[in-house]
Amino acid sequence: MSIISKIKSNPKLKKMALSLLIPANDHRPRLWVRMFLNPFKHKKGKHSIIRSKTRMDVFPFNTFELGAKSIIEDFATINNGVGAVVIGNESIIGLGNVIIGPVSIGNHVMLAQNIVISGLNHGYEDISIPPASQPVNVKQIMIADDVWIGANSVITAGVSIGKHSVIGAGSVVTKDVPPFCIAVGNPARVIKRYNNETLIWEKVF
């Protein structure tokens, strides 16, 4: 068992480790973690860019990877506190995006502005405890290669979006989207699908 696994499995050790990594009543790593630990722990591909105004709430106990020639634009937030965030090659994370793991984003993915992609949900079932104090639910989000997601969209926990699919601006994706489809709306539904025989995007009725 690795050191990280031992810490995660021991509540006292986990609490002590978190206090060293995160200030009290805060959700971002301490400065020493950002400056001296994360650069050696996380992978950043060749010619990739993280803009200076990006909020990188990444911790050493979960994976963060940014592929070659990918870019994270200003005012985005990346958080791997409850699950890995892996971004492929030549992908664009647009202005003001929020990405909370566990999230896997493929190659040549294009995210427009103000998109929320979160693999995290707070529990709410116990009405005697505030939702903020209840255990979190975590489900992996998978975004395949060549996907384009329009501005102000929300991708909810557990969703998969297939290769070369398009999500219309302002959509809320609550269910899987197959490859080569266009989905729009709240909740998002597929309105077009690419036909490999006719080589055109056909409406779905």
N, C-alpha and C. Protein backbone atom coordinates (compact mmCIF):
# COMPACT_ATOMS: atom_id res chain seq x y z
N MET A 1 0.85 -1.20 0.00
CA MET A 1 0.00 0.00 0.00
C MET A 1 0.88 1.25 0.00
N SER A 2 0.58 2.22 -0.89
CA SER A 2 1.37 3.44 -0.98
C SER A 2 1.12 4.35 0.22
N ILE A 3 2.01 5.33 0.39
CA ILE A 3 1.86 6.28 1.50
C ILE A 3 0.53 7.04 1.38
N ILE A 4 0.19 7.46 0.16
CA ILE A 4 -1.06 8.20 -0.05
C ILE A 4 -2.26 7.34 0.32
N SER A 5 -2.24 6.06 -0.07
CA SER A 5 -3.34 5.15 0.26
C SER A 5 -3.47 4.97 1.77
N LYS A 6 -2.34 4.87 2.46
CA LYS A 6 -2.36 4.72 3.92
C LYS A 6 -2.97 5.95 4.58
N ILE A 7 -2.59 7.13 4.08
CA ILE A 7 -3.13 8.38 4.65
C ILE A 7 -4.63 8.47 4.41
N LYS A 8 -5.07 8.14 3.18
CA LYS A 8 -6.49 8.21 2.85
C LYS A 8 -7.33 7.25 3.68
N SER A 9 -6.75 6.11 4.06
CA SER A 9 -7.51 5.10 4.80
C SER A 9 -7.52 5.33 6.31
N ASN A 10 -6.70 6.27 6.79
CA ASN A 10 -6.63 6.56 8.22
C ASN A 10 -7.18 7.96 8.49
N PRO A 11 -8.36 8.07 9.11
CA PRO A 11 -8.99 9.39 9.31
C PRO A 11 -8.11 10.41 10.02
N LYS A 12 -7.35 9.98 11.03
CA LYS A 12 -6.50 10.93 11.76
C LYS A 12 -5.35 11.44 10.89
N LEU A 13 -4.70 10.50 10.18
CA LEU A 13 -3.62 10.90 9.28
C LEU A 13 -4.14 11.79 8.16
N LYS A 14 -5.33 11.45 7.64
CA LYS A 14 -5.93 12.23 6.56
C LYS A 14 -6.22 13.66 7.01
N LYS A 15 -6.77 13.81 8.21
CA LYS A 15 -7.07 15.14 8.75
C LYS A 15 -5.80 15.95 8.94
N MET A 16 -4.75 15.32 9.45
CA MET A 16 -3.49 16.01 9.66
C MET A 16 -2.84 16.43 8.33
N ALA A 17 -2.87 15.51 7.34
CA ALA A 17 -2.30 15.82 6.03
C ALA A 17 -3.03 16.96 5.36
N LEU A 18 -4.38 16.95 5.45
CA LEU A 18 -5.16 18.01 4.83
C LEU A 18 -4.88 19.36 5.46
N SER A 19 -4.65 19.38 6.78
CA SER A 19 -4.34 20.65 7.45
C SER A 19 -3.00 21.21 6.99
N LEU A 20 -2.08 20.34 6.59
CA LEU A 20 -0.80 20.80 6.07
C LEU A 20 -0.92 21.31 4.64
N LEU A 21 -1.90 20.77 3.90
CA LEU A 21 -2.06 21.12 2.49
C LEU A 21 -3.02 22.28 2.25
N ILE A 22 -4.05 22.40 3.11
CA ILE A 22 -5.13 23.36 2.89
C ILE A 22 -5.32 24.21 4.14
N PRO A 23 -5.36 25.55 4.01
CA PRO A 23 -5.63 26.40 5.17
C PRO A 23 -7.04 26.15 5.73
N ALA A 24 -7.23 26.44 7.01
CA ALA A 24 -8.54 26.27 7.64
C ALA A 24 -9.58 27.15 6.94
N ASN A 25 -10.78 26.61 6.74
CA ASN A 25 -11.89 27.32 6.11
C ASN A 25 -11.55 27.80 4.70
N ASP A 26 -10.77 27.00 3.99
CA ASP A 26 -10.40 27.35 2.62
C ASP A 26 -10.48 26.09 1.77
N HIS A 27 -10.44 26.26 0.46
CA HIS A 27 -10.55 25.11 -0.43
C HIS A 27 -9.43 25.06 -1.46
N ARG A 28 -8.46 25.94 -1.31
CA ARG A 28 -7.35 25.91 -2.27
C ARG A 28 -6.06 25.55 -1.55
N PRO A 29 -5.09 24.98 -2.28
CA PRO A 29 -3.86 24.54 -1.63
C PRO A 29 -3.06 25.70 -1.05
N ARG A 30 -2.29 25.40 -0.03
CA ARG A 30 -1.37 26.40 0.53
C ARG A 30 -0.35 26.79 -0.54
N LEU A 31 0.26 27.96 -0.33
CA LEU A 31 1.21 28.50 -1.31
C LEU A 31 2.37 27.54 -1.53
N TRP A 32 2.89 26.94 -0.45
CA TRP A 32 4.04 26.05 -0.61
C TRP A 32 3.70 24.82 -1.45
N VAL A 33 2.43 24.38 -1.38
CA VAL A 33 2.00 23.25 -2.20
C VAL A 33 1.98 23.65 -3.67
N ARG A 34 1.42 24.85 -3.96
CA ARG A 34 1.33 25.32 -5.34
C ARG A 34 2.70 25.56 -5.95
N MET A 35 3.63 26.06 -5.14
CA MET A 35 4.93 26.46 -5.68
C MET A 35 5.94 25.33 -5.73
N PHE A 36 5.96 24.49 -4.71
CA PHE A 36 7.07 23.54 -4.58
C PHE A 36 6.68 22.08 -4.74
N LEU A 37 5.40 21.75 -4.59
CA LEU A 37 5.00 20.35 -4.66
C LEU A 37 4.30 20.01 -5.98
N ASN A 38 3.30 20.82 -6.34
CA ASN A 38 2.53 20.52 -7.54
C ASN A 38 3.35 20.47 -8.82
N PRO A 39 4.31 21.38 -9.03
CA PRO A 39 5.08 21.33 -10.29
C PRO A 39 5.80 20.00 -10.51
N PHE A 40 6.14 19.31 -9.42
CA PHE A 40 6.84 18.04 -9.55
C PHE A 40 5.88 16.85 -9.61
N LYS A 41 4.67 17.05 -9.11
CA LYS A 41 3.69 15.96 -9.05
C LYS A 41 2.86 15.86 -10.32
N HIS A 42 2.46 16.99 -10.88
CA HIS A 42 1.51 17.00 -11.99
C HIS A 42 2.22 17.14 -13.33
N LYS A 43 1.56 16.62 -14.38
CA LYS A 43 2.16 16.60 -15.71
C LYS A 43 1.59 17.72 -16.58
N LYS A 44 2.50 18.47 -17.18
CA LYS A 44 2.11 19.57 -18.07
C LYS A 44 2.84 19.35 -19.39
N GLY A 45 2.08 19.11 -20.46
CA GLY A 45 2.66 18.76 -21.75
C GLY A 45 3.42 19.91 -22.40
N LYS A 46 4.23 19.56 -23.38
CA LYS A 46 5.05 20.52 -24.11
C LYS A 46 4.18 21.54 -24.83
N HIS A 47 4.55 22.80 -24.67
CA HIS A 47 3.86 23.93 -25.32
C HIS A 47 2.44 24.15 -24.80
N SER A 48 2.09 23.53 -23.68
CA SER A 48 0.78 23.82 -23.08
C SER A 48 0.86 25.13 -22.30
N ILE A 49 -0.31 25.76 -22.09
CA ILE A 49 -0.36 27.08 -21.44
C ILE A 49 -1.44 27.08 -20.37
N ILE A 50 -1.08 27.57 -19.19
CA ILE A 50 -2.06 27.88 -18.15
C ILE A 50 -1.97 29.37 -17.89
N ARG A 51 -3.01 30.11 -18.22
CA ARG A 51 -2.97 31.56 -18.08
C ARG A 51 -2.81 31.98 -16.61
N SER A 52 -2.27 33.16 -16.42
CA SER A 52 -1.91 33.62 -15.06
C SER A 52 -3.11 33.84 -14.16
N LYS A 53 -4.28 34.12 -14.72
CA LYS A 53 -5.47 34.38 -13.90
C LYS A 53 -6.34 33.13 -13.72
N THR A 54 -5.79 31.97 -14.07
CA THR A 54 -6.49 30.71 -13.82
C THR A 54 -6.36 30.33 -12.35
N ARG A 55 -7.43 29.83 -11.76
CA ARG A 55 -7.37 29.34 -10.38
C ARG A 55 -7.13 27.84 -10.42
N MET A 56 -5.94 27.43 -10.00
CA MET A 56 -5.55 26.03 -10.03
C MET A 56 -5.64 25.44 -8.62
N ASP A 57 -6.82 24.93 -8.28
CA ASP A 57 -7.00 24.26 -6.98
C ASP A 57 -6.68 22.78 -7.15
N VAL A 58 -5.41 22.50 -7.41
CA VAL A 58 -4.99 21.12 -7.61
C VAL A 58 -4.10 20.68 -6.45
N PHE A 59 -4.30 19.43 -6.06
CA PHE A 59 -3.63 18.88 -4.89
C PHE A 59 -2.77 17.69 -5.29
N PRO A 60 -1.73 17.41 -4.51
CA PRO A 60 -0.82 16.33 -4.90
C PRO A 60 -1.37 14.93 -4.71
N PHE A 61 -2.47 14.78 -3.95
CA PHE A 61 -2.99 13.44 -3.68
C PHE A 61 -3.91 12.93 -4.78
N ASN A 62 -4.25 13.75 -5.78
CA ASN A 62 -4.99 13.30 -6.96
C ASN A 62 -4.30 13.80 -8.22
N THR A 63 -4.57 13.14 -9.33
CA THR A 63 -3.89 13.44 -10.59
C THR A 63 -4.40 14.73 -11.23
N PHE A 64 -3.47 15.51 -11.77
CA PHE A 64 -3.81 16.57 -12.73
C PHE A 64 -2.84 16.44 -13.89
N GLU A 65 -3.36 16.37 -15.12
CA GLU A 65 -2.53 16.29 -16.31
C GLU A 65 -3.09 17.23 -17.37
N LEU A 66 -2.19 17.95 -18.03
CA LEU A 66 -2.54 18.82 -19.15
C LEU A 66 -1.68 18.42 -20.33
N GLY A 67 -2.34 18.04 -21.43
CA GLY A 67 -1.62 17.53 -22.59
C GLY A 67 -0.87 18.59 -23.37
N ALA A 68 -0.09 18.14 -24.33
CA ALA A 68 0.73 19.02 -25.17
C ALA A 68 -0.16 19.96 -25.99
N LYS A 69 0.28 21.21 -26.06
CA LYS A 69 -0.37 22.25 -26.87
C LYS A 69 -1.81 22.55 -26.43
N SER A 70 -2.15 22.17 -25.20
CA SER A 70 -3.46 22.54 -24.67
C SER A 70 -3.36 23.86 -23.92
N ILE A 71 -4.51 24.50 -23.72
CA ILE A 71 -4.51 25.81 -23.07
C ILE A 71 -5.68 25.91 -22.09
N ILE A 72 -5.42 26.49 -20.93
CA ILE A 72 -6.45 26.83 -19.96
C ILE A 72 -6.50 28.34 -19.86
N GLU A 73 -7.62 28.92 -20.26
CA GLU A 73 -7.72 30.38 -20.35
C GLU A 73 -7.96 31.02 -18.98
N ASP A 74 -7.84 32.35 -18.95
CA ASP A 74 -8.02 33.13 -17.72
C ASP A 74 -9.39 32.89 -17.09
N PHE A 75 -9.42 33.02 -15.77
CA PHE A 75 -10.62 32.96 -14.94
C PHE A 75 -11.26 31.57 -14.88
N ALA A 76 -10.58 30.57 -15.43
CA ALA A 76 -11.04 29.19 -15.27
C ALA A 76 -10.63 28.70 -13.88
N THR A 77 -11.35 27.68 -13.39
CA THR A 77 -11.01 27.02 -12.13
C THR A 77 -10.88 25.53 -12.39
N ILE A 78 -9.76 24.97 -11.96
CA ILE A 78 -9.52 23.54 -12.08
C ILE A 78 -9.36 22.98 -10.67
N ASN A 79 -10.15 21.95 -10.33
CA ASN A 79 -10.12 21.40 -8.98
C ASN A 79 -10.10 19.87 -9.05
N ASN A 80 -9.03 19.29 -8.50
CA ASN A 80 -8.92 17.82 -8.47
C ASN A 80 -9.04 17.28 -7.05
N GLY A 81 -9.67 18.05 -6.16
CA GLY A 81 -9.74 17.69 -4.76
C GLY A 81 -10.43 16.37 -4.48
N VAL A 82 -11.45 16.03 -5.29
CA VAL A 82 -12.18 14.78 -5.06
C VAL A 82 -12.01 13.79 -6.21
N GLY A 83 -11.21 14.15 -7.21
CA GLY A 83 -11.00 13.23 -8.33
C GLY A 83 -10.08 13.83 -9.37
N ALA A 84 -9.43 12.96 -10.11
CA ALA A 84 -8.44 13.37 -11.10
C ALA A 84 -9.05 14.25 -12.19
N VAL A 85 -8.24 15.20 -12.68
CA VAL A 85 -8.59 15.99 -13.86
C VAL A 85 -7.51 15.74 -14.90
N VAL A 86 -7.91 15.13 -16.01
CA VAL A 86 -6.97 14.79 -17.08
C VAL A 86 -7.47 15.43 -18.37
N ILE A 87 -6.62 16.26 -18.96
CA ILE A 87 -6.96 16.99 -20.19
C ILE A 87 -5.97 16.57 -21.27
N GLY A 88 -6.47 16.19 -22.44
CA GLY A 88 -5.63 15.66 -23.51
C GLY A 88 -4.86 16.73 -24.26
N ASN A 89 -4.40 16.35 -25.44
CA ASN A 89 -3.57 17.22 -26.27
C ASN A 89 -4.41 18.16 -27.13
N GLU A 90 -3.90 19.37 -27.31
CA GLU A 90 -4.48 20.37 -28.20
C GLU A 90 -5.95 20.65 -27.89
N SER A 91 -6.26 20.69 -26.60
CA SER A 91 -7.61 21.02 -26.16
C SER A 91 -7.64 22.43 -25.57
N ILE A 92 -8.80 23.07 -25.64
CA ILE A 92 -8.97 24.45 -25.18
C ILE A 92 -9.99 24.47 -24.04
N ILE A 93 -9.56 24.97 -22.88
CA ILE A 93 -10.45 25.19 -21.74
C ILE A 93 -10.72 26.69 -21.71
N GLY A 94 -11.94 27.09 -22.04
CA GLY A 94 -12.24 28.49 -22.30
C GLY A 94 -12.32 29.37 -21.07
N LEU A 95 -12.50 30.65 -21.31
CA LEU A 95 -12.60 31.66 -20.25
C LEU A 95 -13.71 31.31 -19.26
N GLY A 96 -13.38 31.34 -17.97
CA GLY A 96 -14.39 31.18 -16.94
C GLY A 96 -14.92 29.78 -16.74
N ASN A 97 -14.29 28.78 -17.35
CA ASN A 97 -14.75 27.39 -17.15
C ASN A 97 -14.46 26.94 -15.72
N VAL A 98 -15.32 26.05 -15.21
CA VAL A 98 -15.09 25.40 -13.91
C VAL A 98 -15.07 23.90 -14.15
N ILE A 99 -13.94 23.27 -13.81
CA ILE A 99 -13.80 21.83 -14.00
C ILE A 99 -13.44 21.22 -12.66
N ILE A 100 -14.33 20.37 -12.14
CA ILE A 100 -14.14 19.70 -10.85
C ILE A 100 -14.14 18.20 -11.11
N GLY A 101 -13.04 17.54 -10.76
CA GLY A 101 -12.90 16.12 -11.02
C GLY A 101 -13.88 15.26 -10.24
N PRO A 102 -13.96 13.97 -10.61
CA PRO A 102 -13.15 13.31 -11.63
C PRO A 102 -13.66 13.59 -13.05
N VAL A 103 -12.76 14.13 -13.87
CA VAL A 103 -13.10 14.49 -15.24
C VAL A 103 -11.96 14.07 -16.16
N SER A 104 -12.31 13.43 -17.27
CA SER A 104 -11.34 13.11 -18.31
C SER A 104 -11.78 13.77 -19.60
N ILE A 105 -10.90 14.60 -20.16
CA ILE A 105 -11.18 15.35 -21.38
C ILE A 105 -10.18 14.90 -22.44
N GLY A 106 -10.67 14.54 -23.63
CA GLY A 106 -9.82 13.98 -24.66
C GLY A 106 -8.99 15.00 -25.41
N ASN A 107 -8.56 14.60 -26.60
CA ASN A 107 -7.73 15.45 -27.46
C ASN A 107 -8.62 16.30 -28.38
N HIS A 108 -8.13 17.49 -28.70
CA HIS A 108 -8.81 18.39 -29.64
C HIS A 108 -10.23 18.73 -29.18
N VAL A 109 -10.40 18.83 -27.88
CA VAL A 109 -11.70 19.23 -27.32
C VAL A 109 -11.74 20.75 -27.22
N MET A 110 -12.88 21.33 -27.54
CA MET A 110 -13.04 22.78 -27.51
C MET A 110 -14.17 23.14 -26.54
N LEU A 111 -13.82 23.79 -25.44
CA LEU A 111 -14.80 24.27 -24.48
C LEU A 111 -14.89 25.78 -24.61
N ALA A 112 -16.09 26.29 -24.83
CA ALA A 112 -16.29 27.74 -24.96
C ALA A 112 -16.24 28.38 -23.57
N GLN A 113 -17.00 29.45 -23.34
CA GLN A 113 -16.88 30.22 -22.11
C GLN A 113 -17.91 29.80 -21.06
N ASN A 114 -17.50 29.95 -19.78
CA ASN A 114 -18.41 29.82 -18.62
C ASN A 114 -19.12 28.46 -18.57
N ILE A 115 -18.39 27.41 -18.86
CA ILE A 115 -18.93 26.05 -18.79
C ILE A 115 -18.61 25.46 -17.42
N VAL A 116 -19.55 24.71 -16.85
CA VAL A 116 -19.31 24.00 -15.59
C VAL A 116 -19.34 22.50 -15.88
N ILE A 117 -18.25 21.84 -15.53
CA ILE A 117 -18.13 20.39 -15.68
C ILE A 117 -17.74 19.86 -14.31
N SER A 118 -18.67 19.21 -13.63
CA SER A 118 -18.41 18.81 -12.24
C SER A 118 -18.80 17.35 -12.00
N GLY A 119 -17.80 16.57 -11.57
CA GLY A 119 -18.05 15.19 -11.18
C GLY A 119 -18.48 15.06 -9.73
N LEU A 120 -18.75 16.18 -9.08
CA LEU A 120 -19.06 16.24 -7.64
C LEU A 120 -20.48 16.70 -7.40
N ASN A 121 -21.16 16.02 -6.48
CA ASN A 121 -22.45 16.48 -5.95
C ASN A 121 -22.43 16.37 -4.43
N HIS A 122 -23.04 17.32 -3.75
CA HIS A 122 -23.17 17.24 -2.30
C HIS A 122 -24.40 16.41 -1.93
N GLY A 123 -24.27 15.62 -0.86
CA GLY A 123 -25.42 14.91 -0.34
C GLY A 123 -26.43 15.86 0.28
N TYR A 124 -27.70 15.46 0.29
CA TYR A 124 -28.75 16.32 0.84
C TYR A 124 -29.80 15.51 1.60
N GLU A 125 -29.68 14.18 1.59
CA GLU A 125 -30.75 13.30 2.05
C GLU A 125 -31.08 13.47 3.53
N ASP A 126 -30.07 13.70 4.36
CA ASP A 126 -30.28 13.84 5.81
C ASP A 126 -30.67 15.29 6.11
N ILE A 127 -31.95 15.52 6.45
CA ILE A 127 -32.42 16.90 6.63
C ILE A 127 -31.97 17.51 7.95
N SER A 128 -31.33 16.72 8.82
CA SER A 128 -30.81 17.27 10.08
C SER A 128 -29.40 17.85 9.92
N ILE A 129 -28.81 17.69 8.74
CA ILE A 129 -27.45 18.16 8.48
C ILE A 129 -27.46 19.05 7.24
N PRO A 130 -26.79 20.21 7.26
CA PRO A 130 -26.72 21.04 6.06
C PRO A 130 -26.05 20.27 4.92
N PRO A 131 -26.49 20.46 3.68
CA PRO A 131 -25.86 19.77 2.56
C PRO A 131 -24.34 19.95 2.51
N ALA A 132 -23.86 21.12 2.92
CA ALA A 132 -22.41 21.37 2.88
C ALA A 132 -21.63 20.46 3.82
N SER A 133 -22.32 19.91 4.83
CA SER A 133 -21.65 19.05 5.81
C SER A 133 -21.86 17.56 5.54
N GLN A 134 -22.63 17.24 4.52
CA GLN A 134 -22.90 15.84 4.21
C GLN A 134 -21.85 15.28 3.26
N PRO A 135 -21.68 13.96 3.25
CA PRO A 135 -20.70 13.35 2.34
C PRO A 135 -21.00 13.70 0.88
N VAL A 136 -19.94 13.81 0.10
CA VAL A 136 -20.11 14.13 -1.31
C VAL A 136 -20.28 12.85 -2.12
N ASN A 137 -20.97 12.99 -3.26
CA ASN A 137 -21.09 11.91 -4.23
C ASN A 137 -20.22 12.25 -5.43
N VAL A 138 -19.46 11.29 -5.89
CA VAL A 138 -18.51 11.52 -6.98
C VAL A 138 -18.76 10.52 -8.10
N LYS A 139 -18.90 11.03 -9.34
CA LYS A 139 -19.06 10.17 -10.51
C LYS A 139 -18.23 10.72 -11.66
N GLN A 140 -17.50 9.84 -12.32
CA GLN A 140 -16.59 10.20 -13.40
C GLN A 140 -17.33 10.81 -14.60
N ILE A 141 -16.78 11.90 -15.13
CA ILE A 141 -17.24 12.49 -16.39
C ILE A 141 -16.21 12.17 -17.47
N MET A 142 -16.67 11.70 -18.62
CA MET A 142 -15.79 11.35 -19.74
C MET A 142 -16.20 12.19 -20.96
N ILE A 143 -15.25 12.96 -21.47
CA ILE A 143 -15.48 13.74 -22.68
C ILE A 143 -14.47 13.26 -23.72
N ALA A 144 -14.96 12.68 -24.81
CA ALA A 144 -14.10 12.04 -25.80
C ALA A 144 -13.42 13.07 -26.70
N ASP A 145 -12.61 12.58 -27.63
CA ASP A 145 -11.88 13.44 -28.56
C ASP A 145 -12.83 14.25 -29.45
N ASP A 146 -12.38 15.43 -29.84
CA ASP A 146 -13.03 16.26 -30.87
C ASP A 146 -14.39 16.81 -30.47
N VAL A 147 -14.69 16.82 -29.18
CA VAL A 147 -15.98 17.35 -28.72
C VAL A 147 -15.93 18.87 -28.67
N TRP A 148 -17.05 19.50 -28.99
CA TRP A 148 -17.21 20.96 -28.88
C TRP A 148 -18.40 21.23 -27.97
N ILE A 149 -18.15 21.99 -26.90
CA ILE A 149 -19.20 22.33 -25.94
C ILE A 149 -19.41 23.84 -25.95
N GLY A 150 -20.65 24.26 -26.20
CA GLY A 150 -20.97 25.67 -26.31
C GLY A 150 -21.00 26.39 -24.97
N ALA A 151 -20.96 27.71 -25.04
CA ALA A 151 -20.87 28.57 -23.85
C ALA A 151 -22.04 28.35 -22.89
N ASN A 152 -21.74 28.51 -21.59
CA ASN A 152 -22.73 28.47 -20.51
C ASN A 152 -23.42 27.11 -20.34
N SER A 153 -22.78 26.06 -20.81
CA SER A 153 -23.33 24.72 -20.64
C SER A 153 -22.92 24.14 -19.29
N VAL A 154 -23.69 23.13 -18.84
CA VAL A 154 -23.40 22.41 -17.61
C VAL A 154 -23.35 20.92 -17.93
N ILE A 155 -22.25 20.27 -17.54
CA ILE A 155 -22.11 18.83 -17.72
C ILE A 155 -22.15 18.21 -16.33
N THR A 156 -23.13 17.38 -16.05
CA THR A 156 -23.34 16.87 -14.70
C THR A 156 -22.56 15.57 -14.45
N ALA A 157 -22.43 15.22 -13.18
CA ALA A 157 -21.63 14.07 -12.76
C ALA A 157 -22.10 12.78 -13.41
N GLY A 158 -21.14 11.96 -13.84
CA GLY A 158 -21.44 10.65 -14.38
C GLY A 158 -21.72 10.60 -15.87
N VAL A 159 -21.70 11.76 -16.53
CA VAL A 159 -22.07 11.83 -17.95
C VAL A 159 -20.85 11.52 -18.83
N SER A 160 -21.12 10.84 -19.96
CA SER A 160 -20.11 10.64 -21.01
C SER A 160 -20.59 11.31 -22.29
N ILE A 161 -19.67 11.98 -22.97
CA ILE A 161 -19.97 12.62 -24.26
C ILE A 161 -19.07 11.98 -25.31
N GLY A 162 -19.69 11.40 -26.34
CA GLY A 162 -18.95 10.63 -27.34
C GLY A 162 -18.17 11.49 -28.31
N LYS A 163 -17.31 10.83 -29.05
CA LYS A 163 -16.39 11.49 -29.99
C LYS A 163 -17.12 12.37 -31.00
N HIS A 164 -16.55 13.56 -31.23
CA HIS A 164 -17.01 14.51 -32.25
C HIS A 164 -18.47 14.92 -32.08
N SER A 165 -18.93 14.91 -30.84
CA SER A 165 -20.27 15.42 -30.57
C SER A 165 -20.21 16.90 -30.22
N VAL A 166 -21.36 17.55 -30.39
CA VAL A 166 -21.47 18.99 -30.15
C VAL A 166 -22.58 19.22 -29.13
N ILE A 167 -22.29 20.06 -28.13
CA ILE A 167 -23.29 20.44 -27.13
C ILE A 167 -23.61 21.91 -27.35
N GLY A 168 -24.88 22.20 -27.62
CA GLY A 168 -25.29 23.58 -27.90
C GLY A 168 -25.15 24.48 -26.69
N ALA A 169 -24.94 25.77 -26.93
CA ALA A 169 -24.77 26.75 -25.86
C ALA A 169 -25.95 26.72 -24.90
N GLY A 170 -25.63 26.82 -23.60
CA GLY A 170 -26.66 26.88 -22.58
C GLY A 170 -27.31 25.56 -22.23
N SER A 171 -26.78 24.46 -22.74
CA SER A 171 -27.38 23.15 -22.49
C SER A 171 -26.98 22.61 -21.11
N VAL A 172 -27.85 21.77 -20.54
CA VAL A 172 -27.57 21.06 -19.30
C VAL A 172 -27.59 19.57 -19.63
N VAL A 173 -26.42 18.96 -19.61
CA VAL A 173 -26.29 17.56 -20.03
C VAL A 173 -26.39 16.67 -18.80
N THR A 174 -27.47 15.90 -18.72
CA THR A 174 -27.72 15.03 -17.57
C THR A 174 -27.63 13.55 -17.93
N LYS A 175 -27.54 13.24 -19.24
CA LYS A 175 -27.44 11.86 -19.71
C LYS A 175 -26.35 11.77 -20.76
N ASP A 176 -25.87 10.55 -20.99
CA ASP A 176 -24.81 10.33 -21.97
C ASP A 176 -25.24 10.81 -23.36
N VAL A 177 -24.26 11.34 -24.10
CA VAL A 177 -24.47 11.76 -25.49
C VAL A 177 -23.61 10.84 -26.36
N PRO A 178 -24.22 10.12 -27.32
CA PRO A 178 -23.45 9.20 -28.17
C PRO A 178 -22.47 9.95 -29.08
N PRO A 179 -21.54 9.23 -29.69
CA PRO A 179 -20.62 9.86 -30.63
C PRO A 179 -21.35 10.45 -31.84
N PHE A 180 -20.76 11.48 -32.41
CA PHE A 180 -21.24 12.09 -33.66
C PHE A 180 -22.70 12.53 -33.57
N CYS A 181 -23.01 13.23 -32.46
CA CYS A 181 -24.36 13.74 -32.26
C CYS A 181 -24.30 15.22 -31.88
N ILE A 182 -25.41 15.92 -32.09
CA ILE A 182 -25.58 17.28 -31.60
C ILE A 182 -26.71 17.25 -30.58
N ALA A 183 -26.43 17.75 -29.38
CA ALA A 183 -27.42 17.77 -28.31
C ALA A 183 -27.60 19.19 -27.80
N VAL A 184 -28.83 19.57 -27.53
CA VAL A 184 -29.13 20.92 -27.05
C VAL A 184 -30.24 20.87 -26.01
N GLY A 185 -30.35 21.93 -25.21
CA GLY A 185 -31.49 22.10 -24.32
C GLY A 185 -31.23 21.76 -22.88
N ASN A 186 -32.29 21.92 -22.06
CA ASN A 186 -32.24 21.63 -20.63
C ASN A 186 -33.50 20.83 -20.27
N PRO A 187 -33.35 19.51 -20.02
CA PRO A 187 -32.12 18.73 -20.17
C PRO A 187 -31.78 18.52 -21.65
N ALA A 188 -30.50 18.36 -21.94
CA ALA A 188 -30.07 18.24 -23.34
C ALA A 188 -30.60 16.97 -23.97
N ARG A 189 -31.00 17.08 -25.23
CA ARG A 189 -31.43 15.90 -26.00
C ARG A 189 -30.79 15.98 -27.38
N VAL A 190 -30.59 14.82 -27.97
CA VAL A 190 -29.96 14.73 -29.30
C VAL A 190 -30.94 15.21 -30.36
N ILE A 191 -30.51 16.17 -31.19
CA ILE A 191 -31.37 16.67 -32.27
C ILE A 191 -30.82 16.33 -33.65
N LYS A 192 -29.52 15.99 -33.73
CA LYS A 192 -28.94 15.58 -35.01
C LYS A 192 -27.92 14.46 -34.76
N ARG A 193 -27.77 13.60 -35.77
CA ARG A 193 -26.79 12.52 -35.70
C ARG A 193 -26.14 12.37 -37.08
N TYR A 194 -24.83 12.16 -37.09
CA TYR A 194 -24.13 12.01 -38.37
C TYR A 194 -24.38 10.62 -38.94
N ASN A 195 -24.76 10.58 -40.22
CA ASN A 195 -25.02 9.32 -40.91
C ASN A 195 -23.80 8.98 -41.76
N ASN A 196 -23.13 7.89 -41.41
CA ASN A 196 -21.91 7.50 -42.12
C ASN A 196 -22.18 7.01 -43.54
N GLU A 197 -23.42 6.68 -43.85
CA GLU A 197 -23.75 6.23 -45.20
C GLU A 197 -24.05 7.41 -46.12
N THR A 198 -24.85 8.37 -45.62
CA THR A 198 -25.19 9.53 -46.45
C THR A 198 -24.17 10.66 -46.31
N LEU A 199 -23.32 10.56 -45.28
CA LEU A 199 -22.28 11.56 -45.00
C LEU A 199 -22.87 12.94 -44.70
N ILE A 200 -24.03 12.96 -44.06
CA ILE A 200 -24.63 14.24 -43.66
C ILE A 200 -25.14 14.11 -42.22
N TRP A 201 -25.31 15.29 -41.58
CA TRP A 201 -25.91 15.36 -40.24
C TRP A 201 -27.42 15.37 -40.42
N GLU A 202 -28.07 14.35 -39.87
CA GLU A 202 -29.49 14.22 -40.06
C GLU A 202 -30.25 14.53 -38.77
N LYS A 203 -31.42 15.16 -38.92
CA LYS A 203 -32.26 15.48 -37.76
C LYS A 203 -32.79 14.21 -37.12
N VAL A 204 -32.90 14.27 -35.79
CA VAL A 204 -33.48 13.16 -35.03
C VAL A 204 -34.87 13.58 -34.57
N PHE A 205 -35.85 12.79 -34.86
CA PHE A 205 -37.24 13.15 -34.51
C PHE A 205 -37.72 12.33 -33.33
